[in-house]
Amino acid sequence: MKVKMNVQTAYHGDLLRAGKEYEIDEETAKRWVASKLAEEVQEDSTDK
């Protein structure tokens, strides 16, 4: 699942910065969205 981070955090040894988009596993993404750490990114089906 693709998310846009609202905060900076470390995840699996990587630094995820606020305002950037990252692909992470769905279970973690749903927890982060529920706690407002990140926002779900809606992917457009016309993108390549």
C-alpha atoms as a PDB file:
ATOM      1  CA  MET A   1       0.000   0.000   0.000  1.00  0.00           C
ATOM      2  CA  LYS A   2       1.283   3.474  -0.826  1.00  0.00           C
ATOM      3  CA  VAL A   3       1.202   6.119   1.914  1.00  0.00           C
ATOM      4  CA  LYS A   4       2.250   9.757   2.292  1.00  0.00           C
ATOM      5  CA  MET A   5       3.955  10.307   5.629  1.00  0.00           C
ATOM      6  CA  ASN A   6       2.749  13.030   8.018  1.00  0.00           C
ATOM      7  CA  VAL A   7       5.743  12.497  10.339  1.00  0.00           C
ATOM      8  CA  GLN A   8       9.337  11.335  10.018  1.00  0.00           C
ATOM      9  CA  THR A   9       9.958   7.814  11.298  1.00  0.00           C
ATOM     10  CA  ALA A  10      12.304   4.857  10.988  1.00  0.00           C
ATOM     11  CA  TYR A  11      10.880   1.688   9.421  1.00  0.00           C
ATOM     12  CA  HIS A  12      12.913  -1.501   8.902  1.00  0.00           C
ATOM     13  CA  GLY A  13      16.150   0.471   9.171  1.00  0.00           C
ATOM     14  CA  ASP A  14      15.063   3.113   6.628  1.00  0.00           C
ATOM     15  CA  LEU A  15      14.274   6.741   7.377  1.00  0.00           C
ATOM     16  CA  LEU A  16      10.829   7.725   6.075  1.00  0.00           C
ATOM     17  CA  ARG A  17      10.468  11.488   5.790  1.00  0.00           C
ATOM     18  CA  ALA A  18       7.335  13.579   6.301  1.00  0.00           C
ATOM     19  CA  GLY A  19       5.674  14.674   3.062  1.00  0.00           C
ATOM     20  CA  LYS A  20       7.141  11.854   0.951  1.00  0.00           C
ATOM     21  CA  GLU A  21       5.341   8.783  -0.429  1.00  0.00           C
ATOM     22  CA  TYR A  22       6.420   5.226   0.346  1.00  0.00           C
ATOM     23  CA  GLU A  23       5.231   1.695  -0.424  1.00  0.00           C
ATOM     24  CA  ILE A  24       4.772  -0.329   2.781  1.00  0.00           C
ATOM     25  CA  ASP A  25       2.855  -3.435   3.785  1.00  0.00           C
ATOM     26  CA  GLU A  26      -0.911  -3.045   4.077  1.00  0.00           C
ATOM     27  CA  GLU A  27      -1.226  -4.002   7.758  1.00  0.00           C
ATOM     28  CA  THR A  28       1.306  -1.384   8.879  1.00  0.00           C
ATOM     29  CA  ALA A  29      -0.138   1.220   6.515  1.00  0.00           C
ATOM     30  CA  LYS A  30      -3.636   0.807   7.964  1.00  0.00           C
ATOM     31  CA  ARG A  31      -2.299   1.272  11.524  1.00  0.00           C
ATOM     32  CA  TRP A  32      -0.390   4.396  10.500  1.00  0.00           C
ATOM     33  CA  VAL A  33      -3.415   5.888   8.723  1.00  0.00           C
ATOM     34  CA  ALA A  34      -5.629   5.162  11.763  1.00  0.00           C
ATOM     35  CA  SER A  35      -3.104   6.908  14.051  1.00  0.00           C
ATOM     36  CA  LYS A  36      -2.667   9.819  11.605  1.00  0.00           C
ATOM     37  CA  LEU A  37       1.040   9.097  11.077  1.00  0.00           C
ATOM     38  CA  ALA A  38       0.372   8.773   7.340  1.00  0.00           C
ATOM     39  CA  GLU A  39      -2.317   9.232   4.686  1.00  0.00           C
ATOM     40  CA  GLU A  40      -3.296   6.623   2.116  1.00  0.00           C
ATOM     41  CA  VAL A  41      -2.338   7.563  -1.438  1.00  0.00           C
ATOM     42  CA  GLN A  42      -5.005   6.783  -4.020  1.00  0.00           C
ATOM     43  CA  GLU A  43      -3.259   5.452  -7.092  1.00  0.00           C
ATOM     44  CA  ASP A  44      -4.718   6.471 -10.423  1.00  0.00           C
ATOM     45  CA  SER A  45      -5.303   3.445 -12.672  1.00  0.00           C
ATOM     46  CA  THR A  46      -4.227   5.464 -15.731  1.00  0.00           C
ATOM     47  CA  ASP A  47      -0.681   5.911 -14.345  1.00  0.00           C
ATOM     48  CA  LYS A  48       2.066   3.863 -15.931  1.00  0.00           C
END
